[in-house]
Amino acid sequence: MPLVLLTRPRRQSDAFAAEIAADGWDALIWPVMEIVHLLPAPPDLSDADALIFTSARALEALLQHGPPPALPAYCVGPATADAARRAGFDEVIEGGGDAVRLLAVLKAAGLSRPAHVRGRDIAMDISAALRDTGADARDIVAYEARPAGPPGARVDAAMRAGRIDAVAFFSPRTAALFAKAAPYAWRPRLATIEAAAISAAAAAALAPVGFANISVAERPDGAAMRALLRRSAA
């Protein structure tokens, strides 16, 4: 049975490991980052006409303070949109799967005062781009992804022994943290295995690592990552 190393936070990795088990993959988990919520109280949304979410983590951070506000939720892709619907948002608009497509949807909507609920680190400044069009867009920094420490002994032993066949990355931030935190002694092994990246941006962050190959999912979602691993195992 092929073995993949999952690098996203523990809860999401556990869920994905259960899914890919049906495809014949075994999994080890090294959560290279931990999510820290930054909102001490509910933000003032009285002047907002829409909320923008570029990750489900931002949803979780906002909703720790109560039910969803009565505002439309513009979500980067299907996974975040599904999370918004489950959370109770009545109006959920999907943005096409990445920040560029989401920005096009937002511009077409003609919003006046949108609020982007996001993490501290972002790949694209959506609020700034909307302000350039005349919208009074603002940011609500709801969480931060922080390095979570070195790999555990089991993961380290498996990598050094050459038992890991692939490493999966679900965000550019995770990929960048892995590139910095992966033990130098892993480099000869990493040069023989494949990385599965959820986006071109995540793949670019892995360039310094020296993987044998970096494959990019057709869409930035879990189903496409699962399909990527199926092709890798074929």
C-alpha atoms as a PDB file:
ATOM      1  CA  MET A   1       0.000   0.000   0.000  1.00  0.00           C
ATOM      2  CA  PRO A   2       1.509   3.383  -0.977  1.00  0.00           C
ATOM      3  CA  LEU A   3       2.150   5.842   1.823  1.00  0.00           C
ATOM      4  CA  VAL A   4       1.505   9.601   1.653  1.00  0.00           C
ATOM      5  CA  LEU A   5       2.602  12.259   4.119  1.00  0.00           C
ATOM      6  CA  LEU A   6      -0.168  14.780   4.838  1.00  0.00           C
ATOM      7  CA  THR A   7       0.925  18.217   6.005  1.00  0.00           C
ATOM      8  CA  ARG A   8      -2.249  20.174   6.750  1.00  0.00           C
ATOM      9  CA  PRO A   9      -3.642  20.597  10.299  1.00  0.00           C
ATOM     10  CA  ARG A  10      -4.532  17.410  12.145  1.00  0.00           C
ATOM     11  CA  ARG A  11      -8.324  17.485  11.822  1.00  0.00           C
ATOM     12  CA  GLN A  12      -8.301  18.100   8.078  1.00  0.00           C
ATOM     13  CA  SER A  13      -5.528  15.541   7.569  1.00  0.00           C
ATOM     14  CA  ASP A  14      -7.439  12.890   9.512  1.00  0.00           C
ATOM     15  CA  ALA A  15     -10.512  13.467   7.330  1.00  0.00           C
ATOM     16  CA  PHE A  16      -8.532  13.295   4.085  1.00  0.00           C
ATOM     17  CA  ALA A  17      -6.672  10.180   5.249  1.00  0.00           C
ATOM     18  CA  ALA A  18     -10.021   8.442   5.741  1.00  0.00           C
ATOM     19  CA  GLU A  19     -11.076   9.391   2.195  1.00  0.00           C
ATOM     20  CA  ILE A  20      -7.925   8.200   0.434  1.00  0.00           C
ATOM     21  CA  ALA A  21      -7.887   4.925   2.360  1.00  0.00           C
ATOM     22  CA  ALA A  22     -10.650   3.851  -0.036  1.00  0.00           C
ATOM     23  CA  ASP A  23      -8.202   4.482  -2.900  1.00  0.00           C
ATOM     24  CA  GLY A  24      -5.566   2.230  -1.376  1.00  0.00           C
ATOM     25  CA  TRP A  25      -3.418   4.916   0.281  1.00  0.00           C
ATOM     26  CA  ASP A  26      -2.059   4.756   3.796  1.00  0.00           C
ATOM     27  CA  ALA A  27      -1.164   8.075   5.438  1.00  0.00           C
ATOM     28  CA  LEU A  28       1.153   9.614   7.973  1.00  0.00           C
ATOM     29  CA  ILE A  29       0.510  13.116   9.279  1.00  0.00           C
ATOM     30  CA  TRP A  30       2.885  15.956  10.038  1.00  0.00           C
ATOM     31  CA  PRO A  31       0.823  19.114  10.593  1.00  0.00           C
ATOM     32  CA  VAL A  32       3.456  21.683   9.662  1.00  0.00           C
ATOM     33  CA  MET A  33       1.248  24.508  10.903  1.00  0.00           C
ATOM     34  CA  GLU A  34      -1.298  25.181  13.601  1.00  0.00           C
ATOM     35  CA  ILE A  35      -4.230  27.565  13.263  1.00  0.00           C
ATOM     36  CA  VAL A  36      -4.521  30.262  15.931  1.00  0.00           C
ATOM     37  CA  HIS A  37      -7.734  32.306  16.081  1.00  0.00           C
ATOM     38  CA  LEU A  38      -7.130  36.039  16.486  1.00  0.00           C
ATOM     39  CA  LEU A  39     -10.584  37.557  17.050  1.00  0.00           C
ATOM     40  CA  PRO A  40     -11.105  38.226  20.781  1.00  0.00           C
ATOM     41  CA  ALA A  41     -14.692  39.350  20.131  1.00  0.00           C
ATOM     42  CA  PRO A  42     -17.176  39.460  17.241  1.00  0.00           C
ATOM     43  CA  PRO A  43     -16.121  42.059  14.662  1.00  0.00           C
ATOM     44  CA  ASP A  44     -18.417  44.978  13.908  1.00  0.00           C
ATOM     45  CA  LEU A  45     -20.132  44.112  10.624  1.00  0.00           C
ATOM     46  CA  SER A  46     -22.905  46.705  10.836  1.00  0.00           C
ATOM     47  CA  ASP A  47     -21.667  48.587   7.758  1.00  0.00           C
ATOM     48  CA  ALA A  48     -20.700  45.551   5.645  1.00  0.00           C
ATOM     49  CA  ASP A  49     -22.795  44.475   2.668  1.00  0.00           C
ATOM     50  CA  ALA A  50     -21.006  41.142   2.104  1.00  0.00           C
ATOM     51  CA  LEU A  51     -18.372  38.847   3.562  1.00  0.00           C
ATOM     52  CA  ILE A  52     -15.504  37.337   1.592  1.00  0.00           C
ATOM     53  CA  PHE A  53     -13.921  34.041   2.608  1.00  0.00           C
ATOM     54  CA  THR A  54     -10.811  32.617   0.984  1.00  0.00           C
ATOM     55  CA  SER A  55     -10.587  29.685   3.400  1.00  0.00           C
ATOM     56  CA  ALA A  56     -12.842  27.641   5.640  1.00  0.00           C
ATOM     57  CA  ARG A  57     -10.484  28.463   8.520  1.00  0.00           C
ATOM     58  CA  ALA A  58     -11.627  32.082   8.367  1.00  0.00           C
ATOM     59  CA  LEU A  59     -15.215  30.889   8.647  1.00  0.00           C
ATOM     60  CA  GLU A  60     -14.379  28.863  11.741  1.00  0.00           C
ATOM     61  CA  ALA A  61     -12.573  31.785  13.349  1.00  0.00           C
ATOM     62  CA  LEU A  62     -15.475  34.161  12.732  1.00  0.00           C
ATOM     63  CA  LEU A  63     -18.204  31.773  13.841  1.00  0.00           C
ATOM     64  CA  GLN A  64     -16.581  30.923  17.155  1.00  0.00           C
ATOM     65  CA  HIS A  65     -18.345  34.066  18.386  1.00  0.00           C
ATOM     66  CA  GLY A  66     -21.849  33.157  17.281  1.00  0.00           C
ATOM     67  CA  PRO A  67     -24.153  32.366  14.360  1.00  0.00           C
ATOM     68  CA  PRO A  68     -23.462  33.670  10.858  1.00  0.00           C
ATOM     69  CA  PRO A  69     -24.489  37.261  10.161  1.00  0.00           C
ATOM     70  CA  ALA A  70     -27.293  37.955   7.690  1.00  0.00           C
ATOM     71  CA  LEU A  71     -24.906  38.807   4.867  1.00  0.00           C
ATOM     72  CA  PRO A  72     -24.036  37.102   1.589  1.00  0.00           C
ATOM     73  CA  ALA A  73     -20.876  34.981   1.756  1.00  0.00           C
ATOM     74  CA  TYR A  74     -18.557  35.088  -1.257  1.00  0.00           C
ATOM     75  CA  CYS A  75     -16.343  32.003  -1.086  1.00  0.00           C
ATOM     76  CA  VAL A  76     -13.218  31.188  -3.048  1.00  0.00           C
ATOM     77  CA  GLY A  77     -14.263  27.663  -4.025  1.00  0.00           C
ATOM     78  CA  PRO A  78     -16.632  24.760  -3.410  1.00  0.00           C
ATOM     79  CA  ALA A  79     -15.066  23.518  -0.169  1.00  0.00           C
ATOM     80  CA  THR A  80     -15.306  26.925   1.498  1.00  0.00           C
ATOM     81  CA  ALA A  81     -18.791  27.437   0.049  1.00  0.00           C
ATOM     82  CA  ASP A  82     -19.949  24.084   1.436  1.00  0.00           C
ATOM     83  CA  ALA A  83     -18.569  25.046   4.844  1.00  0.00           C
ATOM     84  CA  ALA A  84     -20.471  28.347   4.683  1.00  0.00           C
ATOM     85  CA  ARG A  85     -23.728  26.578   3.844  1.00  0.00           C
ATOM     86  CA  ARG A  86     -23.249  24.096   6.674  1.00  0.00           C
ATOM     87  CA  ALA A  87     -22.559  27.007   9.017  1.00  0.00           C
ATOM     88  CA  GLY A  88     -25.939  28.514   8.156  1.00  0.00           C
ATOM     89  CA  PHE A  89     -25.276  31.286   5.634  1.00  0.00           C
ATOM     90  CA  ASP A  90     -28.421  31.776   3.558  1.00  0.00           C
ATOM     91  CA  GLU A  91     -26.730  33.279   0.496  1.00  0.00           C
ATOM     92  CA  VAL A  92     -23.463  31.671  -0.632  1.00  0.00           C
ATOM     93  CA  ILE A  93     -21.707  32.591  -3.874  1.00  0.00           C
ATOM     94  CA  GLU A  94     -18.826  30.477  -5.186  1.00  0.00           C
ATOM     95  CA  GLY A  95     -15.862  32.271  -6.700  1.00  0.00           C
ATOM     96  CA  GLY A  96     -14.544  29.762  -9.197  1.00  0.00           C
ATOM     97  CA  GLY A  97     -11.810  28.049  -7.215  1.00  0.00           C
ATOM     98  CA  ASP A  98      -9.040  30.619  -6.821  1.00  0.00           C
ATOM     99  CA  ALA A  99      -8.504  34.224  -5.761  1.00  0.00           C
ATOM    100  CA  VAL A 100      -8.285  35.565  -9.317  1.00  0.00           C
ATOM    101  CA  ARG A 101     -11.671  34.121 -10.295  1.00  0.00           C
ATOM    102  CA  LEU A 102     -13.181  35.165  -6.978  1.00  0.00           C
ATOM    103  CA  LEU A 103     -12.016  38.731  -7.556  1.00  0.00           C
ATOM    104  CA  ALA A 104     -13.742  38.759 -10.947  1.00  0.00           C
ATOM    105  CA  VAL A 105     -16.991  37.599  -9.315  1.00  0.00           C
ATOM    106  CA  LEU A 106     -16.674  40.273  -6.631  1.00  0.00           C
ATOM    107  CA  LYS A 107     -16.067  43.033  -9.161  1.00  0.00           C
ATOM    108  CA  ALA A 108     -19.088  41.932 -11.183  1.00  0.00           C
ATOM    109  CA  ALA A 109     -21.250  41.993  -8.042  1.00  0.00           C
ATOM    110  CA  GLY A 110     -20.593  45.712  -7.546  1.00  0.00           C
ATOM    111  CA  LEU A 111     -20.307  45.497  -3.766  1.00  0.00           C
ATOM    112  CA  SER A 112     -19.973  48.715  -1.773  1.00  0.00           C
ATOM    113  CA  ARG A 113     -18.572  47.678   1.621  1.00  0.00           C
ATOM    114  CA  PRO A 114     -17.352  44.065   1.572  1.00  0.00           C
ATOM    115  CA  ALA A 115     -15.278  42.639   4.411  1.00  0.00           C
ATOM    116  CA  HIS A 116     -12.630  40.014   3.666  1.00  0.00           C
ATOM    117  CA  VAL A 117     -12.382  37.639   6.632  1.00  0.00           C
ATOM    118  CA  ARG A 118      -8.954  36.086   6.198  1.00  0.00           C
ATOM    119  CA  GLY A 119      -5.724  34.788   7.651  1.00  0.00           C
ATOM    120  CA  ARG A 120      -2.743  36.984   8.401  1.00  0.00           C
ATOM    121  CA  ASP A 121      -0.844  35.674   5.362  1.00  0.00           C
ATOM    122  CA  ILE A 122      -2.522  36.002   1.968  1.00  0.00           C
ATOM    123  CA  ALA A 123      -1.526  35.225  -1.598  1.00  0.00           C
ATOM    124  CA  MET A 124      -3.576  38.093  -3.074  1.00  0.00           C
ATOM    125  CA  ASP A 125      -4.779  41.340  -1.496  1.00  0.00           C
ATOM    126  CA  ILE A 126      -8.412  41.147  -2.564  1.00  0.00           C
ATOM    127  CA  SER A 127      -9.499  44.147  -0.500  1.00  0.00           C
ATOM    128  CA  ALA A 128      -6.868  46.380  -2.098  1.00  0.00           C
ATOM    129  CA  ALA A 129      -7.954  45.247  -5.560  1.00  0.00           C
ATOM    130  CA  LEU A 130     -11.582  46.056  -4.725  1.00  0.00           C
ATOM    131  CA  ARG A 131     -10.654  49.461  -3.330  1.00  0.00           C
ATOM    132  CA  ASP A 132      -9.032  50.202  -6.684  1.00  0.00           C
ATOM    133  CA  THR A 133     -12.502  49.822  -8.214  1.00  0.00           C
ATOM    134  CA  GLY A 134     -14.086  52.234  -5.722  1.00  0.00           C
ATOM    135  CA  ALA A 135     -15.410  49.779  -3.141  1.00  0.00           C
ATOM    136  CA  ASP A 136     -14.874  50.521   0.549  1.00  0.00           C
ATOM    137  CA  ALA A 137     -13.400  47.071   1.192  1.00  0.00           C
ATOM    138  CA  ARG A 138     -11.730  46.155   4.463  1.00  0.00           C
ATOM    139  CA  ASP A 139      -9.919  43.206   6.006  1.00  0.00           C
ATOM    140  CA  ILE A 140     -10.757  41.262   9.145  1.00  0.00           C
ATOM    141  CA  VAL A 141      -7.698  39.220  10.118  1.00  0.00           C
ATOM    142  CA  ALA A 142      -9.313  36.277  11.872  1.00  0.00           C
ATOM    143  CA  TYR A 143      -6.566  33.683  12.213  1.00  0.00           C
ATOM    144  CA  GLU A 144      -2.884  33.018  11.800  1.00  0.00           C
ATOM    145  CA  ALA A 145      -1.067  29.910  10.581  1.00  0.00           C
ATOM    146  CA  ARG A 146       1.991  29.320  12.752  1.00  0.00           C
ATOM    147  CA  PRO A 147       4.739  26.694  12.449  1.00  0.00           C
ATOM    148  CA  ALA A 148       3.775  23.653  14.487  1.00  0.00           C
ATOM    149  CA  GLY A 149       7.144  22.107  15.264  1.00  0.00           C
ATOM    150  CA  PRO A 150       9.316  19.299  13.871  1.00  0.00           C
ATOM    151  CA  PRO A 151       8.014  15.982  12.533  1.00  0.00           C
ATOM    152  CA  GLY A 152       7.350  13.208  15.000  1.00  0.00           C
ATOM    153  CA  ALA A 153       9.625  10.204  15.356  1.00  0.00           C
ATOM    154  CA  ARG A 154       7.347   7.926  13.322  1.00  0.00           C
ATOM    155  CA  VAL A 155       7.210  10.329  10.368  1.00  0.00           C
ATOM    156  CA  ASP A 156      10.951  10.963  10.525  1.00  0.00           C
ATOM    157  CA  ALA A 157      11.762   7.250  10.590  1.00  0.00           C
ATOM    158  CA  ALA A 158       9.443   6.527   7.658  1.00  0.00           C
ATOM    159  CA  MET A 159      10.992   9.270   5.537  1.00  0.00           C
ATOM    160  CA  ARG A 160      14.567   8.255   6.294  1.00  0.00           C
ATOM    161  CA  ALA A 161      13.733   4.613   5.528  1.00  0.00           C
ATOM    162  CA  GLY A 162      12.286   5.547   2.137  1.00  0.00           C
ATOM    163  CA  ARG A 163       8.781   4.310   2.928  1.00  0.00           C
ATOM    164  CA  ILE A 164       6.947   7.534   1.994  1.00  0.00           C
ATOM    165  CA  ASP A 165       5.857   7.670  -1.644  1.00  0.00           C
ATOM    166  CA  ALA A 166       4.324  11.151  -1.831  1.00  0.00           C
ATOM    167  CA  VAL A 167       3.761  14.325   0.177  1.00  0.00           C
ATOM    168  CA  ALA A 168       0.513  16.305  -0.188  1.00  0.00           C
ATOM    169  CA  PHE A 169       0.188  20.080   0.169  1.00  0.00           C
ATOM    170  CA  PHE A 170      -3.155  21.878   0.433  1.00  0.00           C
ATOM    171  CA  SER A 171      -2.006  25.503   0.510  1.00  0.00           C
ATOM    172  CA  PRO A 172       0.961  27.689  -0.467  1.00  0.00           C
ATOM    173  CA  ARG A 173       1.461  28.500   3.220  1.00  0.00           C
ATOM    174  CA  THR A 174       1.763  24.823   4.150  1.00  0.00           C
ATOM    175  CA  ALA A 175       4.178  24.251   1.281  1.00  0.00           C
ATOM    176  CA  ALA A 176       6.342  27.208   2.304  1.00  0.00           C
ATOM    177  CA  LEU A 177       6.477  26.063   5.928  1.00  0.00           C
ATOM    178  CA  PHE A 178       7.426  22.542   4.841  1.00  0.00           C
ATOM    179  CA  ALA A 179      10.211  23.913   2.645  1.00  0.00           C
ATOM    180  CA  LYS A 180      11.662  25.687   5.684  1.00  0.00           C
ATOM    181  CA  ALA A 181      11.044  23.011   8.316  1.00  0.00           C
ATOM    182  CA  ALA A 182      11.802  19.718   6.544  1.00  0.00           C
ATOM    183  CA  PRO A 183      14.971  18.227   8.066  1.00  0.00           C
ATOM    184  CA  TYR A 184      18.006  18.552   5.819  1.00  0.00           C
ATOM    185  CA  ALA A 185      18.633  14.820   6.232  1.00  0.00           C
ATOM    186  CA  TRP A 186      15.402  14.210   4.297  1.00  0.00           C
ATOM    187  CA  ARG A 187      16.674  15.829   1.108  1.00  0.00           C
ATOM    188  CA  PRO A 188      18.045  12.650  -0.539  1.00  0.00           C
ATOM    189  CA  ARG A 189      14.696  10.919   0.034  1.00  0.00           C
ATOM    190  CA  LEU A 190      12.598  13.880  -1.079  1.00  0.00           C
ATOM    191  CA  ALA A 191      14.542  13.874  -4.346  1.00  0.00           C
ATOM    192  CA  THR A 192      13.064  10.443  -5.114  1.00  0.00           C
ATOM    193  CA  ILE A 193       9.374  11.051  -4.350  1.00  0.00           C
ATOM    194  CA  GLU A 194       6.475  13.095  -5.682  1.00  0.00           C
ATOM    195  CA  ALA A 195       4.768  16.144  -4.238  1.00  0.00           C
ATOM    196  CA  ALA A 196       1.041  16.658  -4.820  1.00  0.00           C
ATOM    197  CA  ALA A 197       0.180  20.376  -4.746  1.00  0.00           C
ATOM    198  CA  ILE A 198      -3.301  21.869  -4.655  1.00  0.00           C
ATOM    199  CA  SER A 199      -2.315  24.867  -6.789  1.00  0.00           C
ATOM    200  CA  ALA A 200       0.462  26.336  -8.884  1.00  0.00           C
ATOM    201  CA  ALA A 201       1.245  28.714  -6.020  1.00  0.00           C
ATOM    202  CA  ALA A 202       1.733  25.779  -3.653  1.00  0.00           C
ATOM    203  CA  ALA A 203       3.933  24.062  -6.231  1.00  0.00           C
ATOM    204  CA  ALA A 204       6.075  27.186  -6.606  1.00  0.00           C
ATOM    205  CA  ALA A 205       6.668  27.304  -2.846  1.00  0.00           C
ATOM    206  CA  LEU A 206       8.090  23.765  -3.035  1.00  0.00           C
ATOM    207  CA  ALA A 207      10.743  24.573  -5.638  1.00  0.00           C
ATOM    208  CA  PRO A 208      13.608  24.795  -3.083  1.00  0.00           C
ATOM    209  CA  VAL A 209      12.854  21.329  -1.682  1.00  0.00           C
ATOM    210  CA  GLY A 210      13.998  19.317  -4.690  1.00  0.00           C
ATOM    211  CA  PHE A 211      11.165  16.812  -5.082  1.00  0.00           C
ATOM    212  CA  ALA A 212      11.530  14.332  -7.936  1.00  0.00           C
ATOM    213  CA  ASN A 213       8.279  15.688  -9.362  1.00  0.00           C
ATOM    214  CA  ILE A 214       5.596  18.182  -8.352  1.00  0.00           C
ATOM    215  CA  SER A 215       2.106  17.509  -9.692  1.00  0.00           C
ATOM    216  CA  VAL A 216      -0.646  20.130  -9.490  1.00  0.00           C
ATOM    217  CA  ALA A 217      -4.321  19.321  -8.967  1.00  0.00           C
ATOM    218  CA  GLU A 218      -6.722  20.231 -11.765  1.00  0.00           C
ATOM    219  CA  ARG A 219      -8.822  22.213  -9.276  1.00  0.00           C
ATOM    220  CA  PRO A 220      -7.966  23.571  -5.825  1.00  0.00           C
ATOM    221  CA  ASP A 221     -10.125  21.175  -3.820  1.00  0.00           C
ATOM    222  CA  GLY A 222      -9.955  17.880  -1.976  1.00  0.00           C
ATOM    223  CA  ALA A 223     -11.575  15.832  -4.733  1.00  0.00           C
ATOM    224  CA  ALA A 224      -8.954  16.960  -7.237  1.00  0.00           C
ATOM    225  CA  MET A 225      -6.166  16.201  -4.758  1.00  0.00           C
ATOM    226  CA  ARG A 226      -7.596  12.738  -4.257  1.00  0.00           C
ATOM    227  CA  ALA A 227      -7.675  12.235  -8.029  1.00  0.00           C
ATOM    228  CA  LEU A 228      -4.065  13.407  -8.242  1.00  0.00           C
ATOM    229  CA  LEU A 229      -2.986  10.772  -5.733  1.00  0.00           C
ATOM    230  CA  ARG A 230      -4.937   8.092  -7.585  1.00  0.00           C
ATOM    231  CA  ARG A 231      -3.022   8.930 -10.759  1.00  0.00           C
ATOM    232  CA  SER A 232       0.236   8.910  -8.838  1.00  0.00           C
ATOM    233  CA  ALA A 233      -0.446   5.416  -7.516  1.00  0.00           C
ATOM    234  CA  ALA A 234      -1.464   4.029 -10.919  1.00  0.00           C
END
